[in-house]
Amino acid sequence: TGEVLALVGDRVTRRAGFNRALDARRPIGSIVKPFVYYTALRPNGGHNLNTTLLDEPVSIEAKPGEIWTPQNYDRKSHGTVALYESLAFSYNQATVGLGVKIGVQPVVDILRRVGVTQHIPPYPSLFLGALSLSPLEVTNMYQVLASGGFETPLRAISEVMDSEGRPLRRYKIKVKPALDPNVVYLTTQALTNVVRFG
């Protein structure tokens, strides 16, 4: 529903000032990967959960004379892997290779559709999460996956009542389609492998 049940911005709950849940923008890292894989799994993306990917060293010229060579967390390459395995094990090299095939702009477009309003750097490093967002902004992205592809803006107030408990004002849930529900299903099913064996 997008209803926020609790929001904690500091260890000291009554301290005013910097609210980490709202204001702490940090690189999101691998949190972005399901949206890269979603982009590839769309009907026009040309991939399915069993598509094989190469998890091998990749080098990309970031700027003239500057080469970017992402590595996996375990500093190893895993050869030929299925797309669902690459997501389950969060393989960086395979994800970058996949991202290069599908392109940066389609991933940017998907991130816009799930509510990201910040500037999105259109570089291959985006595939590994070189994008700074707050915890609330990330929650908004994942709410679209959790709701089966529908964007429901996050809200903390559903209604205001008077002292007798009578509603003075209600705030209706606003729902709009954002992602293909069938592809969201495939993506979320693939994500269950993270806890099964990834």
N, C-alpha and C. Protein backbone atom coordinates (compact mmCIF):
# COMPACT_ATOMS: atom_id res chain seq x y z
N THR A 1 0.81 -1.22 0.00
CA THR A 1 0.00 0.00 0.00
C THR A 1 0.84 1.26 0.00
N GLY A 2 2.13 1.15 0.29
CA GLY A 2 2.99 2.32 0.37
C GLY A 2 2.87 3.06 1.69
N GLU A 3 2.13 2.48 2.66
CA GLU A 3 1.99 3.14 3.96
C GLU A 3 3.23 2.91 4.81
N VAL A 4 3.83 3.99 5.27
CA VAL A 4 5.02 3.91 6.11
C VAL A 4 4.57 3.67 7.54
N LEU A 5 4.95 2.54 8.11
CA LEU A 5 4.55 2.21 9.48
C LEU A 5 5.53 2.78 10.50
N ALA A 6 6.80 2.89 10.14
CA ALA A 6 7.79 3.47 11.05
C ALA A 6 8.94 4.02 10.23
N LEU A 7 9.57 5.06 10.76
CA LEU A 7 10.71 5.67 10.10
C LEU A 7 11.68 6.10 11.20
N VAL A 8 12.89 5.59 11.15
CA VAL A 8 13.88 5.90 12.17
C VAL A 8 15.03 6.65 11.52
N GLY A 9 15.23 7.90 11.92
CA GLY A 9 16.26 8.73 11.30
C GLY A 9 17.50 8.89 12.14
N ASP A 10 17.48 8.37 13.39
CA ASP A 10 18.61 8.54 14.29
C ASP A 10 18.49 7.50 15.41
N ARG A 11 19.61 7.16 16.03
CA ARG A 11 19.56 6.24 17.17
C ARG A 11 18.85 6.90 18.36
N VAL A 12 19.00 8.21 18.47
CA VAL A 12 18.30 8.96 19.52
C VAL A 12 17.01 9.47 18.88
N THR A 13 15.87 8.86 19.24
CA THR A 13 14.63 9.10 18.51
C THR A 13 14.12 10.53 18.57
N ARG A 14 14.39 11.27 19.61
CA ARG A 14 13.83 12.62 19.71
C ARG A 14 14.83 13.71 19.31
N ARG A 15 15.98 13.31 18.82
CA ARG A 15 16.97 14.32 18.42
C ARG A 15 16.55 14.96 17.10
N ALA A 16 16.52 16.28 17.10
CA ALA A 16 16.18 17.01 15.87
C ALA A 16 17.44 17.18 15.03
N GLY A 17 17.27 17.40 13.76
CA GLY A 17 18.42 17.64 12.90
C GLY A 17 18.46 16.69 11.72
N PHE A 18 19.64 16.15 11.46
CA PHE A 18 19.85 15.32 10.28
C PHE A 18 19.10 14.01 10.40
N ASN A 19 18.18 13.76 9.48
CA ASN A 19 17.38 12.54 9.49
C ASN A 19 17.96 11.58 8.46
N ARG A 20 18.61 10.51 8.95
CA ARG A 20 19.30 9.60 8.04
C ARG A 20 18.35 8.86 7.09
N ALA A 21 17.14 8.61 7.52
CA ALA A 21 16.18 7.90 6.65
C ALA A 21 15.76 8.76 5.47
N LEU A 22 15.73 10.07 5.67
CA LEU A 22 15.29 10.97 4.62
C LEU A 22 16.42 11.65 3.87
N ASP A 23 17.51 11.95 4.60
CA ASP A 23 18.54 12.83 4.05
C ASP A 23 19.89 12.19 3.77
N ALA A 24 20.14 10.99 4.29
CA ALA A 24 21.46 10.36 4.11
C ALA A 24 21.52 9.67 2.76
N ARG A 25 22.06 10.35 1.79
CA ARG A 25 22.19 9.75 0.46
C ARG A 25 23.54 9.07 0.36
N ARG A 26 23.50 7.77 0.06
CA ARG A 26 24.71 6.97 -0.06
C ARG A 26 24.63 6.17 -1.36
N PRO A 27 25.79 5.77 -1.92
CA PRO A 27 25.74 4.89 -3.10
C PRO A 27 24.97 3.62 -2.76
N ILE A 28 24.04 3.23 -3.63
CA ILE A 28 23.16 2.11 -3.30
C ILE A 28 23.76 0.75 -3.64
N GLY A 29 24.83 0.72 -4.40
CA GLY A 29 25.51 -0.55 -4.68
C GLY A 29 24.59 -1.58 -5.31
N SER A 30 24.71 -2.82 -4.86
CA SER A 30 24.00 -3.95 -5.50
C SER A 30 22.48 -3.88 -5.37
N ILE A 31 21.98 -2.95 -4.58
CA ILE A 31 20.53 -2.77 -4.47
C ILE A 31 19.92 -2.48 -5.84
N VAL A 32 20.71 -1.92 -6.74
CA VAL A 32 20.19 -1.57 -8.07
C VAL A 32 20.07 -2.78 -9.01
N LYS A 33 20.79 -3.86 -8.69
CA LYS A 33 20.87 -4.98 -9.64
C LYS A 33 19.52 -5.57 -10.06
N PRO A 34 18.55 -5.76 -9.16
CA PRO A 34 17.28 -6.31 -9.64
C PRO A 34 16.64 -5.47 -10.76
N PHE A 35 16.91 -4.19 -10.78
CA PHE A 35 16.33 -3.33 -11.81
C PHE A 35 17.10 -3.45 -13.13
N VAL A 36 18.38 -3.78 -13.04
CA VAL A 36 19.15 -4.09 -14.24
C VAL A 36 18.62 -5.39 -14.84
N TYR A 37 18.41 -6.39 -13.99
CA TYR A 37 17.91 -7.68 -14.47
C TYR A 37 16.47 -7.58 -14.96
N TYR A 38 15.66 -6.78 -14.28
CA TYR A 38 14.30 -6.54 -14.76
C TYR A 38 14.34 -6.01 -16.19
N THR A 39 15.21 -5.04 -16.44
CA THR A 39 15.33 -4.43 -17.77
C THR A 39 15.67 -5.49 -18.82
N ALA A 40 16.56 -6.41 -18.46
CA ALA A 40 16.95 -7.47 -19.40
C ALA A 40 15.85 -8.49 -19.62
N LEU A 41 14.99 -8.70 -18.62
CA LEU A 41 13.94 -9.73 -18.70
C LEU A 41 12.68 -9.26 -19.41
N ARG A 42 12.57 -7.97 -19.70
CA ARG A 42 11.40 -7.48 -20.42
C ARG A 42 11.29 -8.17 -21.78
N PRO A 43 10.08 -8.25 -22.33
CA PRO A 43 9.93 -8.94 -23.63
C PRO A 43 10.88 -8.42 -24.71
N ASN A 44 11.17 -7.12 -24.71
CA ASN A 44 12.09 -6.59 -25.72
C ASN A 44 13.54 -6.58 -25.23
N GLY A 45 13.78 -7.15 -24.05
CA GLY A 45 15.14 -7.17 -23.49
C GLY A 45 15.98 -8.33 -24.00
N GLY A 46 15.32 -9.35 -24.58
CA GLY A 46 16.04 -10.44 -25.21
C GLY A 46 16.66 -11.46 -24.27
N HIS A 47 16.27 -11.46 -23.01
CA HIS A 47 16.85 -12.40 -22.04
C HIS A 47 15.75 -13.10 -21.25
N ASN A 48 16.09 -14.27 -20.70
CA ASN A 48 15.20 -14.96 -19.76
C ASN A 48 16.04 -15.43 -18.58
N LEU A 49 15.40 -16.05 -17.60
CA LEU A 49 16.13 -16.44 -16.38
C LEU A 49 17.22 -17.46 -16.63
N ASN A 50 17.11 -18.22 -17.73
CA ASN A 50 18.12 -19.23 -18.04
C ASN A 50 19.15 -18.77 -19.06
N THR A 51 19.03 -17.54 -19.54
CA THR A 51 20.02 -17.02 -20.48
C THR A 51 21.40 -17.11 -19.82
N THR A 52 22.39 -17.57 -20.59
CA THR A 52 23.73 -17.67 -20.02
C THR A 52 24.48 -16.34 -20.18
N LEU A 53 25.19 -16.00 -19.12
CA LEU A 53 26.01 -14.80 -19.08
C LEU A 53 27.44 -15.22 -18.80
N LEU A 54 28.38 -14.40 -19.21
CA LEU A 54 29.78 -14.66 -18.90
C LEU A 54 30.21 -13.81 -17.72
N ASP A 55 30.60 -14.49 -16.66
CA ASP A 55 31.16 -13.79 -15.50
C ASP A 55 32.67 -13.86 -15.65
N GLU A 56 33.19 -12.88 -16.34
CA GLU A 56 34.62 -12.84 -16.64
C GLU A 56 35.09 -11.40 -16.59
N PRO A 57 36.40 -11.18 -16.49
CA PRO A 57 36.90 -9.80 -16.40
C PRO A 57 36.40 -8.94 -17.56
N VAL A 58 36.01 -7.73 -17.21
CA VAL A 58 35.52 -6.78 -18.20
C VAL A 58 36.21 -5.44 -17.96
N SER A 59 36.59 -4.79 -19.03
CA SER A 59 37.24 -3.48 -18.92
C SER A 59 36.47 -2.49 -19.79
N ILE A 60 36.16 -1.34 -19.20
CA ILE A 60 35.40 -0.31 -19.91
C ILE A 60 36.15 1.01 -19.75
N GLU A 61 36.27 1.73 -20.86
CA GLU A 61 36.91 3.04 -20.79
C GLU A 61 35.91 4.03 -20.20
N ALA A 62 36.17 4.44 -18.95
CA ALA A 62 35.28 5.36 -18.26
C ALA A 62 35.45 6.77 -18.82
N LYS A 63 36.68 7.20 -18.90
CA LYS A 63 37.05 8.48 -19.49
C LYS A 63 38.25 8.22 -20.38
N PRO A 64 38.56 9.12 -21.30
CA PRO A 64 39.74 8.88 -22.13
C PRO A 64 40.97 8.60 -21.27
N GLY A 65 41.55 7.41 -21.50
CA GLY A 65 42.74 7.02 -20.76
C GLY A 65 42.47 6.44 -19.38
N GLU A 66 41.20 6.32 -18.99
CA GLU A 66 40.85 5.80 -17.67
C GLU A 66 40.02 4.54 -17.85
N ILE A 67 40.54 3.40 -17.41
CA ILE A 67 39.87 2.11 -17.60
C ILE A 67 39.22 1.66 -16.29
N TRP A 68 37.97 1.24 -16.38
CA TRP A 68 37.23 0.72 -15.22
C TRP A 68 37.13 -0.78 -15.35
N THR A 69 37.63 -1.51 -14.35
CA THR A 69 37.61 -2.98 -14.37
C THR A 69 36.96 -3.49 -13.08
N PRO A 70 35.64 -3.63 -13.08
CA PRO A 70 34.95 -4.10 -11.88
C PRO A 70 35.32 -5.55 -11.56
N GLN A 71 35.30 -5.87 -10.27
CA GLN A 71 35.59 -7.23 -9.83
C GLN A 71 34.44 -7.75 -8.98
N ASN A 72 34.38 -9.06 -8.86
CA ASN A 72 33.40 -9.67 -7.96
C ASN A 72 33.86 -9.53 -6.52
N TYR A 73 32.92 -9.67 -5.61
CA TYR A 73 33.21 -9.55 -4.18
C TYR A 73 34.29 -10.54 -3.75
N ASP A 74 34.24 -11.77 -4.30
CA ASP A 74 35.22 -12.80 -3.92
C ASP A 74 36.50 -12.74 -4.76
N ARG A 75 36.60 -11.72 -5.63
CA ARG A 75 37.77 -11.50 -6.48
C ARG A 75 38.02 -12.65 -7.46
N LYS A 76 36.97 -13.43 -7.76
CA LYS A 76 37.09 -14.55 -8.69
C LYS A 76 36.10 -14.35 -9.84
N SER A 77 36.40 -14.99 -10.96
CA SER A 77 35.46 -15.04 -12.08
C SER A 77 34.84 -16.43 -12.07
N HIS A 78 33.57 -16.53 -12.50
CA HIS A 78 32.84 -17.79 -12.39
C HIS A 78 32.43 -18.38 -13.73
N GLY A 79 32.95 -17.82 -14.81
CA GLY A 79 32.69 -18.39 -16.14
C GLY A 79 31.26 -18.22 -16.60
N THR A 80 30.73 -19.26 -17.24
CA THR A 80 29.36 -19.21 -17.77
C THR A 80 28.37 -19.50 -16.65
N VAL A 81 27.45 -18.57 -16.45
CA VAL A 81 26.43 -18.72 -15.40
C VAL A 81 25.07 -18.36 -15.99
N ALA A 82 24.02 -18.92 -15.43
CA ALA A 82 22.66 -18.53 -15.83
C ALA A 82 22.34 -17.17 -15.25
N LEU A 83 21.49 -16.44 -15.93
CA LEU A 83 21.11 -15.11 -15.47
C LEU A 83 20.61 -15.15 -14.03
N TYR A 84 19.76 -16.12 -13.69
CA TYR A 84 19.23 -16.18 -12.32
C TYR A 84 20.33 -16.43 -11.30
N GLU A 85 21.38 -17.18 -11.68
CA GLU A 85 22.50 -17.41 -10.78
C GLU A 85 23.30 -16.14 -10.56
N SER A 86 23.48 -15.39 -11.63
CA SER A 86 24.23 -14.15 -11.54
C SER A 86 23.58 -13.19 -10.56
N LEU A 87 22.24 -13.12 -10.60
CA LEU A 87 21.53 -12.26 -9.66
C LEU A 87 21.60 -12.83 -8.24
N ALA A 88 21.42 -14.13 -8.11
CA ALA A 88 21.44 -14.77 -6.79
C ALA A 88 22.77 -14.57 -6.08
N PHE A 89 23.87 -14.66 -6.83
CA PHE A 89 25.20 -14.52 -6.24
C PHE A 89 25.75 -13.10 -6.38
N SER A 90 24.98 -12.22 -6.99
CA SER A 90 25.35 -10.81 -7.14
C SER A 90 26.71 -10.65 -7.82
N TYR A 91 26.87 -11.35 -8.94
CA TYR A 91 28.14 -11.28 -9.67
C TYR A 91 28.26 -9.94 -10.40
N ASN A 92 29.26 -9.17 -10.05
CA ASN A 92 29.46 -7.84 -10.65
C ASN A 92 29.84 -7.92 -12.12
N GLN A 93 30.77 -8.80 -12.44
CA GLN A 93 31.27 -8.86 -13.82
C GLN A 93 30.16 -9.27 -14.79
N ALA A 94 29.38 -10.27 -14.41
CA ALA A 94 28.28 -10.71 -15.27
C ALA A 94 27.22 -9.62 -15.39
N THR A 95 26.96 -8.91 -14.28
CA THR A 95 25.96 -7.83 -14.31
C THR A 95 26.40 -6.71 -15.23
N VAL A 96 27.68 -6.34 -15.16
CA VAL A 96 28.17 -5.27 -16.05
C VAL A 96 28.10 -5.73 -17.50
N GLY A 97 28.49 -6.97 -17.77
CA GLY A 97 28.39 -7.50 -19.14
C GLY A 97 26.96 -7.46 -19.65
N LEU A 98 26.01 -7.85 -18.79
CA LEU A 98 24.60 -7.81 -19.16
C LEU A 98 24.15 -6.37 -19.40
N GLY A 99 24.55 -5.48 -18.50
CA GLY A 99 24.17 -4.08 -18.62
C GLY A 99 24.68 -3.44 -19.89
N VAL A 100 25.91 -3.79 -20.26
CA VAL A 100 26.48 -3.25 -21.50
C VAL A 100 25.65 -3.71 -22.70
N LYS A 101 25.17 -4.97 -22.66
CA LYS A 101 24.35 -5.49 -23.77
C LYS A 101 23.02 -4.75 -23.88
N ILE A 102 22.37 -4.51 -22.74
CA ILE A 102 21.04 -3.88 -22.79
C ILE A 102 21.11 -2.37 -22.85
N GLY A 103 22.22 -1.78 -22.43
CA GLY A 103 22.40 -0.34 -22.50
C GLY A 103 22.07 0.38 -21.20
N VAL A 104 22.73 1.50 -21.01
CA VAL A 104 22.54 2.30 -19.80
C VAL A 104 21.16 2.98 -19.79
N GLN A 105 20.79 3.56 -20.92
CA GLN A 105 19.55 4.36 -20.95
C GLN A 105 18.30 3.56 -20.59
N PRO A 106 18.13 2.31 -21.07
CA PRO A 106 16.95 1.55 -20.64
C PRO A 106 16.90 1.35 -19.11
N VAL A 107 18.06 1.16 -18.48
CA VAL A 107 18.08 1.01 -17.01
C VAL A 107 17.70 2.33 -16.35
N VAL A 108 18.23 3.43 -16.87
CA VAL A 108 17.86 4.75 -16.34
C VAL A 108 16.34 4.94 -16.44
N ASP A 109 15.77 4.56 -17.58
CA ASP A 109 14.32 4.71 -17.79
C ASP A 109 13.53 3.90 -16.77
N ILE A 110 13.98 2.68 -16.47
CA ILE A 110 13.29 1.84 -15.48
C ILE A 110 13.40 2.48 -14.09
N LEU A 111 14.56 2.99 -13.75
CA LEU A 111 14.72 3.64 -12.44
C LEU A 111 13.81 4.86 -12.32
N ARG A 112 13.63 5.58 -13.39
CA ARG A 112 12.69 6.71 -13.39
C ARG A 112 11.26 6.21 -13.14
N ARG A 113 10.92 5.07 -13.76
CA ARG A 113 9.56 4.53 -13.62
C ARG A 113 9.27 4.04 -12.21
N VAL A 114 10.31 3.69 -11.46
CA VAL A 114 10.08 3.24 -10.08
C VAL A 114 10.28 4.39 -9.08
N GLY A 115 10.31 5.61 -9.60
CA GLY A 115 10.26 6.76 -8.72
C GLY A 115 11.55 7.48 -8.41
N VAL A 116 12.66 7.11 -9.03
CA VAL A 116 13.92 7.82 -8.75
C VAL A 116 13.87 9.18 -9.44
N THR A 117 13.98 10.24 -8.65
CA THR A 117 13.93 11.59 -9.20
C THR A 117 15.29 12.27 -9.19
N GLN A 118 16.24 11.70 -8.45
CA GLN A 118 17.59 12.26 -8.41
C GLN A 118 18.25 12.16 -9.78
N HIS A 119 19.32 12.93 -9.97
CA HIS A 119 20.11 12.79 -11.19
C HIS A 119 20.70 11.38 -11.23
N ILE A 120 20.57 10.71 -12.36
CA ILE A 120 21.11 9.36 -12.53
C ILE A 120 22.27 9.45 -13.52
N PRO A 121 23.51 9.23 -13.04
CA PRO A 121 24.65 9.30 -13.96
C PRO A 121 24.55 8.20 -15.01
N PRO A 122 24.51 8.55 -16.30
CA PRO A 122 24.32 7.54 -17.35
C PRO A 122 25.62 6.85 -17.76
N TYR A 123 26.25 6.18 -16.79
CA TYR A 123 27.51 5.49 -17.04
C TYR A 123 27.36 4.02 -16.66
N PRO A 124 28.18 3.14 -17.22
CA PRO A 124 28.09 1.71 -16.88
C PRO A 124 28.24 1.41 -15.38
N SER A 125 28.89 2.28 -14.63
CA SER A 125 29.01 2.06 -13.18
C SER A 125 27.65 2.06 -12.50
N LEU A 126 26.63 2.59 -13.18
CA LEU A 126 25.26 2.54 -12.65
C LEU A 126 24.82 1.10 -12.42
N PHE A 127 25.29 0.16 -13.27
CA PHE A 127 24.88 -1.24 -13.15
C PHE A 127 25.28 -1.85 -11.81
N LEU A 128 26.28 -1.24 -11.15
CA LEU A 128 26.73 -1.72 -9.84
C LEU A 128 26.35 -0.75 -8.72
N GLY A 129 25.47 0.19 -9.04
CA GLY A 129 24.92 1.03 -7.99
C GLY A 129 25.64 2.33 -7.72
N ALA A 130 26.30 2.90 -8.71
CA ALA A 130 26.95 4.21 -8.53
C ALA A 130 25.89 5.30 -8.64
N LEU A 131 24.98 5.28 -7.70
CA LEU A 131 23.87 6.21 -7.63
C LEU A 131 23.56 6.41 -6.15
N SER A 132 23.54 7.65 -5.70
CA SER A 132 23.31 7.93 -4.28
C SER A 132 21.85 8.25 -4.01
N LEU A 133 21.24 7.46 -3.12
CA LEU A 133 19.85 7.65 -2.72
C LEU A 133 19.71 7.53 -1.21
N SER A 134 18.62 8.03 -0.69
CA SER A 134 18.32 7.88 0.74
C SER A 134 17.61 6.55 0.97
N PRO A 135 17.57 6.07 2.21
CA PRO A 135 16.82 4.84 2.49
C PRO A 135 15.34 4.93 2.07
N LEU A 136 14.73 6.10 2.24
CA LEU A 136 13.33 6.25 1.84
C LEU A 136 13.17 6.14 0.33
N GLU A 137 14.11 6.69 -0.42
CA GLU A 137 14.04 6.60 -1.89
C GLU A 137 14.22 5.15 -2.35
N VAL A 138 15.10 4.41 -1.69
CA VAL A 138 15.28 2.99 -2.03
C VAL A 138 14.01 2.20 -1.69
N THR A 139 13.41 2.53 -0.55
CA THR A 139 12.15 1.88 -0.17
C THR A 139 11.09 2.11 -1.23
N ASN A 140 11.03 3.31 -1.75
CA ASN A 140 10.05 3.63 -2.79
C ASN A 140 10.28 2.76 -4.04
N MET A 141 11.56 2.55 -4.42
CA MET A 141 11.88 1.71 -5.57
C MET A 141 11.38 0.28 -5.34
N TYR A 142 11.71 -0.26 -4.17
CA TYR A 142 11.36 -1.65 -3.88
C TYR A 142 9.87 -1.84 -3.63
N GLN A 143 9.17 -0.77 -3.25
CA GLN A 143 7.73 -0.86 -3.08
C GLN A 143 7.07 -1.25 -4.40
N VAL A 144 7.63 -0.77 -5.51
CA VAL A 144 7.07 -1.10 -6.83
C VAL A 144 7.22 -2.60 -7.10
N LEU A 145 8.36 -3.18 -6.73
CA LEU A 145 8.53 -4.63 -6.88
C LEU A 145 7.57 -5.38 -5.96
N ALA A 146 7.46 -4.92 -4.71
CA ALA A 146 6.63 -5.60 -3.72
C ALA A 146 5.15 -5.57 -4.10
N SER A 147 4.73 -4.52 -4.80
CA SER A 147 3.31 -4.39 -5.15
C SER A 147 2.99 -5.02 -6.50
N GLY A 148 3.94 -5.71 -7.09
CA GLY A 148 3.68 -6.38 -8.36
C GLY A 148 3.78 -5.48 -9.57
N GLY A 149 4.46 -4.33 -9.41
CA GLY A 149 4.68 -3.44 -10.56
C GLY A 149 3.91 -2.14 -10.51
N PHE A 150 3.19 -1.90 -9.42
CA PHE A 150 2.41 -0.66 -9.30
C PHE A 150 3.11 0.32 -8.37
N GLU A 151 3.17 1.57 -8.81
CA GLU A 151 3.78 2.60 -7.97
C GLU A 151 2.71 3.22 -7.09
N THR A 152 2.93 3.16 -5.80
CA THR A 152 2.07 3.82 -4.83
C THR A 152 2.98 4.72 -4.00
N PRO A 153 2.87 6.02 -4.17
CA PRO A 153 3.76 6.91 -3.41
C PRO A 153 3.71 6.61 -1.92
N LEU A 154 4.87 6.58 -1.29
CA LEU A 154 4.93 6.32 0.14
C LEU A 154 4.20 7.43 0.90
N ARG A 155 3.51 7.05 1.96
CA ARG A 155 2.79 8.05 2.76
C ARG A 155 2.78 7.64 4.22
N ALA A 156 2.81 8.64 5.08
CA ALA A 156 2.82 8.40 6.51
C ALA A 156 1.46 8.71 7.14
N ILE A 157 0.58 9.40 6.43
CA ILE A 157 -0.73 9.76 6.96
C ILE A 157 -1.80 9.23 6.01
N SER A 158 -2.74 8.46 6.56
CA SER A 158 -3.84 7.97 5.72
C SER A 158 -5.11 8.77 5.96
N GLU A 159 -5.30 9.28 7.19
CA GLU A 159 -6.45 10.12 7.46
C GLU A 159 -6.20 10.96 8.70
N VAL A 160 -6.97 12.05 8.81
CA VAL A 160 -6.92 12.93 9.98
C VAL A 160 -8.30 12.89 10.61
N MET A 161 -8.34 12.66 11.94
CA MET A 161 -9.62 12.56 12.64
C MET A 161 -9.74 13.64 13.70
N ASP A 162 -10.97 13.92 14.07
CA ASP A 162 -11.20 14.89 15.16
C ASP A 162 -11.12 14.16 16.50
N SER A 163 -11.37 14.89 17.58
CA SER A 163 -11.24 14.32 18.92
C SER A 163 -12.25 13.21 19.19
N GLU A 164 -13.33 13.14 18.38
CA GLU A 164 -14.34 12.09 18.54
C GLU A 164 -14.04 10.87 17.66
N GLY A 165 -12.95 10.95 16.91
CA GLY A 165 -12.60 9.83 16.04
C GLY A 165 -13.28 9.86 14.69
N ARG A 166 -13.93 10.99 14.36
CA ARG A 166 -14.56 11.14 13.05
C ARG A 166 -13.54 11.63 12.04
N PRO A 167 -13.55 11.06 10.86
CA PRO A 167 -12.57 11.50 9.86
C PRO A 167 -12.85 12.92 9.39
N LEU A 168 -11.80 13.75 9.42
CA LEU A 168 -11.87 15.10 8.86
C LEU A 168 -11.40 15.11 7.42
N ARG A 169 -10.40 14.29 7.18
CA ARG A 169 -9.87 14.20 5.82
C ARG A 169 -9.22 12.84 5.61
N ARG A 170 -9.49 12.26 4.45
CA ARG A 170 -8.85 11.00 4.09
C ARG A 170 -7.93 11.24 2.91
N TYR A 171 -6.85 10.50 2.89
CA TYR A 171 -5.90 10.59 1.80
C TYR A 171 -5.95 9.27 1.04
N LYS A 172 -6.53 9.31 -0.15
CA LYS A 172 -6.72 8.09 -0.92
C LYS A 172 -5.38 7.56 -1.43
N ILE A 173 -5.33 6.25 -1.57
CA ILE A 173 -4.15 5.62 -2.14
C ILE A 173 -4.14 5.90 -3.64
N LYS A 174 -3.03 6.40 -4.13
CA LYS A 174 -2.87 6.66 -5.56
C LYS A 174 -1.99 5.56 -6.14
N VAL A 175 -2.55 4.81 -7.05
CA VAL A 175 -1.83 3.69 -7.65
C VAL A 175 -1.72 3.90 -9.15
N LYS A 176 -0.53 3.68 -9.68
CA LYS A 176 -0.40 3.73 -11.14
C LYS A 176 0.56 2.63 -11.58
N PRO A 177 0.28 2.01 -12.74
CA PRO A 177 1.17 0.97 -13.23
C PRO A 177 2.53 1.56 -13.58
N ALA A 178 3.58 0.88 -13.14
CA ALA A 178 4.94 1.37 -13.42
C ALA A 178 5.77 0.34 -14.18
N LEU A 179 5.61 -0.93 -13.82
CA LEU A 179 6.39 -2.00 -14.44
C LEU A 179 5.47 -3.13 -14.89
N ASP A 180 5.95 -3.93 -15.82
CA ASP A 180 5.21 -5.08 -16.32
C ASP A 180 5.09 -6.13 -15.21
N PRO A 181 3.86 -6.45 -14.75
CA PRO A 181 3.69 -7.39 -13.64
C PRO A 181 4.31 -8.76 -13.90
N ASN A 182 4.28 -9.23 -15.15
CA ASN A 182 4.86 -10.53 -15.46
C ASN A 182 6.37 -10.53 -15.26
N VAL A 183 7.01 -9.45 -15.66
CA VAL A 183 8.46 -9.35 -15.52
C VAL A 183 8.82 -9.10 -14.05
N VAL A 184 7.99 -8.37 -13.34
CA VAL A 184 8.20 -8.18 -11.89
C VAL A 184 8.15 -9.54 -11.20
N TYR A 185 7.20 -10.37 -11.60
CA TYR A 185 7.09 -11.71 -11.01
C TYR A 185 8.38 -12.50 -11.24
N LEU A 186 8.87 -12.50 -12.47
CA LEU A 186 10.12 -13.22 -12.77
C LEU A 186 11.28 -12.67 -11.93
N THR A 187 11.35 -11.36 -11.82
CA THR A 187 12.45 -10.72 -11.07
C THR A 187 12.37 -11.09 -9.59
N THR A 188 11.18 -11.01 -9.01
CA THR A 188 11.06 -11.31 -7.58
C THR A 188 11.27 -12.81 -7.32
N GLN A 189 10.84 -13.65 -8.25
CA GLN A 189 11.13 -15.08 -8.10
C GLN A 189 12.63 -15.34 -8.13
N ALA A 190 13.32 -14.65 -9.04
CA ALA A 190 14.77 -14.79 -9.11
C ALA A 190 15.42 -14.29 -7.82
N LEU A 191 14.86 -13.25 -7.23
CA LEU A 191 15.42 -12.72 -5.98
C LEU A 191 15.28 -13.70 -4.82
N THR A 192 14.28 -14.59 -4.86
CA THR A 192 14.16 -15.56 -3.78
C THR A 192 15.37 -16.50 -3.75
N ASN A 193 16.06 -16.64 -4.88
CA ASN A 193 17.25 -17.49 -4.91
C ASN A 193 18.39 -16.90 -4.09
N VAL A 194 18.35 -15.61 -3.82
CA VAL A 194 19.38 -14.99 -2.99
C VAL A 194 19.38 -15.65 -1.61
N VAL A 195 18.21 -15.90 -1.06
CA VAL A 195 18.16 -16.53 0.26
C VAL A 195 18.12 -18.06 0.19
N ARG A 196 17.79 -18.60 -0.98
CA ARG A 196 17.81 -20.06 -1.12
C ARG A 196 19.23 -20.60 -1.23
N PHE A 197 20.01 -20.00 -2.12
CA PHE A 197 21.37 -20.53 -2.30
C PHE A 197 22.41 -19.47 -2.60
N GLY A 198 22.03 -18.24 -2.76
CA GLY A 198 22.98 -17.19 -3.15
C GLY A 198 23.78 -16.65 -1.98
